[in-house]
């Protein structure tokens, strides 16, 4: 059954980004960022926020569980910057992670294009 109250409260940001997040784009984005160079969680959060001009806000409660899952699956390898104090944990891509990155990138490219086209169509319809 359709929850009309929920539908009227949902913002476009929730509708589009909720779908993007549910399609596992965050793991792809994390793999993409650490593919360039080893990164730590707060740095990844900052880069995503900066890359999307603040539209996609990411919390530590989102990023760190994803990083742990990626590490458990062997896609990334994490090492403490200072093992004695466990300050920042830097993650780097493994060969299995490189393969997973390529697979995810191929799979989600079409989805991201559909989301982009939908947003552009809405903007054109509403604002000309």
C-alpha atoms as a PDB file:
ATOM      1  CA  UNK A   1       0.000   0.000   0.000  1.00  0.00           C
ATOM      2  CA  UNK A   2       1.293   3.462  -0.909  1.00  0.00           C
ATOM      3  CA  UNK A   3       2.055   5.655   2.089  1.00  0.00           C
ATOM      4  CA  UNK A   4       0.839   9.031   0.830  1.00  0.00           C
ATOM      5  CA  UNK A   5       1.992  10.863   3.935  1.00  0.00           C
ATOM      6  CA  UNK A   6       5.471   9.484   3.450  1.00  0.00           C
ATOM      7  CA  UNK A   7       5.410  10.336  -0.246  1.00  0.00           C
ATOM      8  CA  UNK A   8       4.465  13.946   0.427  1.00  0.00           C
ATOM      9  CA  UNK A   9       7.225  14.271   3.014  1.00  0.00           C
ATOM     10  CA  UNK A  10       9.934  12.795   0.799  1.00  0.00           C
ATOM     11  CA  UNK A  11      12.206  15.323  -0.836  1.00  0.00           C
ATOM     12  CA  UNK A  12      13.694  14.896  -4.320  1.00  0.00           C
ATOM     13  CA  UNK A  13      17.056  14.484  -2.600  1.00  0.00           C
ATOM     14  CA  UNK A  14      15.699  11.515  -0.616  1.00  0.00           C
ATOM     15  CA  UNK A  15      14.037   9.938  -3.638  1.00  0.00           C
ATOM     16  CA  UNK A  16      16.981  10.149  -6.025  1.00  0.00           C
ATOM     17  CA  UNK A  17      19.845   9.744  -3.609  1.00  0.00           C
ATOM     18  CA  UNK A  18      18.047   7.018  -1.674  1.00  0.00           C
ATOM     19  CA  UNK A  19      17.898   5.035  -4.884  1.00  0.00           C
ATOM     20  CA  UNK A  20      21.508   5.821  -5.705  1.00  0.00           C
ATOM     21  CA  UNK A  21      22.632   4.694  -2.255  1.00  0.00           C
ATOM     22  CA  UNK A  22      20.511   1.548  -2.419  1.00  0.00           C
ATOM     23  CA  UNK A  23      22.209   0.625  -5.684  1.00  0.00           C
ATOM     24  CA  UNK A  24      25.538   0.419  -3.822  1.00  0.00           C
ATOM     25  CA  UNK A  25      27.101   3.457  -5.403  1.00  0.00           C
ATOM     26  CA  UNK A  26      28.860   4.315  -2.137  1.00  0.00           C
ATOM     27  CA  UNK A  27      30.984   1.149  -2.212  1.00  0.00           C
ATOM     28  CA  UNK A  28      31.846   1.918  -5.842  1.00  0.00           C
ATOM     29  CA  UNK A  29      32.735   5.485  -4.948  1.00  0.00           C
ATOM     30  CA  UNK A  30      34.883   4.344  -2.030  1.00  0.00           C
ATOM     31  CA  UNK A  31      36.746   1.872  -4.246  1.00  0.00           C
ATOM     32  CA  UNK A  32      37.195   4.624  -6.827  1.00  0.00           C
ATOM     33  CA  UNK A  33      38.685   7.056  -4.310  1.00  0.00           C
ATOM     34  CA  UNK A  34      41.085   4.601  -2.694  1.00  0.00           C
ATOM     35  CA  UNK A  35      42.079   3.329  -6.111  1.00  0.00           C
ATOM     36  CA  UNK A  36      43.845   6.653  -6.648  1.00  0.00           C
ATOM     37  CA  UNK A  37      45.760   6.500  -3.344  1.00  0.00           C
ATOM     38  CA  UNK A  38      45.293   5.091   0.161  1.00  0.00           C
ATOM     39  CA  UNK A  39      42.637   7.012   2.085  1.00  0.00           C
ATOM     40  CA  UNK A  40      41.087   7.016   5.550  1.00  0.00           C
ATOM     41  CA  UNK A  41      37.390   7.274   6.420  1.00  0.00           C
ATOM     42  CA  UNK A  42      37.086  10.975   7.215  1.00  0.00           C
ATOM     43  CA  UNK A  43      39.047  11.856   4.096  1.00  0.00           C
ATOM     44  CA  UNK A  44      36.606   9.785   2.004  1.00  0.00           C
ATOM     45  CA  UNK A  45      33.641  11.530   3.671  1.00  0.00           C
ATOM     46  CA  UNK A  46      35.157  14.934   2.908  1.00  0.00           C
ATOM     47  CA  UNK A  47      35.908  14.023  -0.726  1.00  0.00           C
ATOM     48  CA  UNK A  48      32.360  12.774  -1.369  1.00  0.00           C
ATOM     49  CA  UNK A  49      30.858  15.898   0.196  1.00  0.00           C
ATOM     50  CA  UNK A  50      33.197  18.113  -1.856  1.00  0.00           C
ATOM     51  CA  UNK A  51      32.680  16.157  -5.093  1.00  0.00           C
ATOM     52  CA  UNK A  52      28.885  16.466  -4.832  1.00  0.00           C
ATOM     53  CA  UNK A  53      28.862  20.070  -3.558  1.00  0.00           C
ATOM     54  CA  UNK A  54      27.308  18.841  -0.307  1.00  0.00           C
ATOM     55  CA  UNK A  55      24.313  17.167  -1.948  1.00  0.00           C
ATOM     56  CA  UNK A  56      25.422  13.708  -0.859  1.00  0.00           C
ATOM     57  CA  UNK A  57      26.203  13.970   2.800  1.00  0.00           C
ATOM     58  CA  UNK A  58      27.874  10.910   4.197  1.00  0.00           C
ATOM     59  CA  UNK A  59      28.212  10.077   7.850  1.00  0.00           C
ATOM     60  CA  UNK A  60      30.831   7.949   9.572  1.00  0.00           C
ATOM     61  CA  UNK A  61      27.969   5.530  10.335  1.00  0.00           C
ATOM     62  CA  UNK A  62      27.689   4.935   6.591  1.00  0.00           C
ATOM     63  CA  UNK A  63      31.330   4.921   5.511  1.00  0.00           C
ATOM     64  CA  UNK A  64      33.000   2.863   8.216  1.00  0.00           C
ATOM     65  CA  UNK A  65      30.677  -0.168   7.993  1.00  0.00           C
ATOM     66  CA  UNK A  66      31.159  -0.168   4.206  1.00  0.00           C
ATOM     67  CA  UNK A  67      34.935  -0.006   4.639  1.00  0.00           C
ATOM     68  CA  UNK A  68      34.806  -2.918   7.101  1.00  0.00           C
ATOM     69  CA  UNK A  69      32.687  -5.001   4.694  1.00  0.00           C
ATOM     70  CA  UNK A  70      35.016  -4.223   1.793  1.00  0.00           C
ATOM     71  CA  UNK A  71      37.962  -5.248   3.952  1.00  0.00           C
ATOM     72  CA  UNK A  72      36.243  -8.479   5.107  1.00  0.00           C
ATOM     73  CA  UNK A  73      35.621  -9.387   1.460  1.00  0.00           C
ATOM     74  CA  UNK A  74      39.257  -8.739   0.595  1.00  0.00           C
ATOM     75  CA  UNK A  75      38.604  -5.771  -1.713  1.00  0.00           C
ATOM     76  CA  UNK A  76      40.566  -3.328   0.416  1.00  0.00           C
ATOM     77  CA  UNK A  77      43.372  -3.656   2.911  1.00  0.00           C
ATOM     78  CA  UNK A  78      43.469  -1.362   5.927  1.00  0.00           C
ATOM     79  CA  UNK A  79      46.498  -0.409   7.981  1.00  0.00           C
ATOM     80  CA  UNK A  80      46.723   1.859  10.998  1.00  0.00           C
ATOM     81  CA  UNK A  81      48.791   4.991  10.482  1.00  0.00           C
ATOM     82  CA  UNK A  82      50.159   4.517  14.017  1.00  0.00           C
ATOM     83  CA  UNK A  83      49.382   0.953  15.136  1.00  0.00           C
ATOM     84  CA  UNK A  84      50.081   1.743  18.791  1.00  0.00           C
ATOM     85  CA  UNK A  85      47.449   4.488  18.985  1.00  0.00           C
ATOM     86  CA  UNK A  86      45.099   3.295  16.227  1.00  0.00           C
ATOM     87  CA  UNK A  87      44.711   6.863  14.993  1.00  0.00           C
ATOM     88  CA  UNK A  88      43.720   6.699  11.322  1.00  0.00           C
ATOM     89  CA  UNK A  89      43.215   3.551   9.304  1.00  0.00           C
ATOM     90  CA  UNK A  90      44.328   3.960   5.696  1.00  0.00           C
ATOM     91  CA  UNK A  91      42.731   1.706   3.097  1.00  0.00           C
ATOM     92  CA  UNK A  92      44.151   0.664  -0.229  1.00  0.00           C
ATOM     93  CA  UNK A  93      42.738  -1.386  -3.064  1.00  0.00           C
ATOM     94  CA  UNK A  94      43.700  -5.044  -3.414  1.00  0.00           C
ATOM     95  CA  UNK A  95      43.859  -6.911  -6.736  1.00  0.00           C
ATOM     96  CA  UNK A  96      40.442  -8.434  -5.899  1.00  0.00           C
ATOM     97  CA  UNK A  97      39.207  -4.913  -5.177  1.00  0.00           C
ATOM     98  CA  UNK A  98      40.438  -3.711  -8.552  1.00  0.00           C
ATOM     99  CA  UNK A  99      38.451  -6.475 -10.237  1.00  0.00           C
ATOM    100  CA  UNK A 100      35.351  -5.702  -8.144  1.00  0.00           C
ATOM    101  CA  UNK A 101      35.730  -1.992  -8.936  1.00  0.00           C
ATOM    102  CA  UNK A 102      35.719  -2.654 -12.687  1.00  0.00           C
ATOM    103  CA  UNK A 103      32.681  -4.936 -12.358  1.00  0.00           C
ATOM    104  CA  UNK A 104      30.714  -2.429 -10.248  1.00  0.00           C
ATOM    105  CA  UNK A 105      31.657   0.498 -12.463  1.00  0.00           C
ATOM    106  CA  UNK A 106      30.332  -1.290 -15.515  1.00  0.00           C
ATOM    107  CA  UNK A 107      27.147  -2.369 -13.754  1.00  0.00           C
ATOM    108  CA  UNK A 108      26.244   1.027 -12.246  1.00  0.00           C
ATOM    109  CA  UNK A 109      27.168   3.276 -15.151  1.00  0.00           C
ATOM    110  CA  UNK A 110      23.803   2.782 -16.825  1.00  0.00           C
ATOM    111  CA  UNK A 111      21.925   3.377 -13.574  1.00  0.00           C
ATOM    112  CA  UNK A 112      23.726   6.660 -12.933  1.00  0.00           C
ATOM    113  CA  UNK A 113      22.957   7.825 -16.466  1.00  0.00           C
ATOM    114  CA  UNK A 114      19.248   7.091 -15.893  1.00  0.00           C
ATOM    115  CA  UNK A 115      19.254   9.100 -12.661  1.00  0.00           C
ATOM    116  CA  UNK A 116      21.062  11.977 -14.406  1.00  0.00           C
ATOM    117  CA  UNK A 117      18.601  11.947 -17.318  1.00  0.00           C
ATOM    118  CA  UNK A 118      15.630  11.895 -14.935  1.00  0.00           C
ATOM    119  CA  UNK A 119      16.946  14.911 -13.025  1.00  0.00           C
ATOM    120  CA  UNK A 120      17.666  16.799 -16.265  1.00  0.00           C
ATOM    121  CA  UNK A 121      14.164  16.009 -17.568  1.00  0.00           C
ATOM    122  CA  UNK A 122      12.585  17.277 -14.345  1.00  0.00           C
ATOM    123  CA  UNK A 123      14.613  20.468 -14.448  1.00  0.00           C
ATOM    124  CA  UNK A 124      13.691  21.067 -18.095  1.00  0.00           C
ATOM    125  CA  UNK A 125       9.999  20.399 -17.421  1.00  0.00           C
ATOM    126  CA  UNK A 126       9.848  22.655 -14.388  1.00  0.00           C
ATOM    127  CA  UNK A 127      12.180  25.483 -15.426  1.00  0.00           C
ATOM    128  CA  UNK A 128      12.342  25.270 -19.201  1.00  0.00           C
END
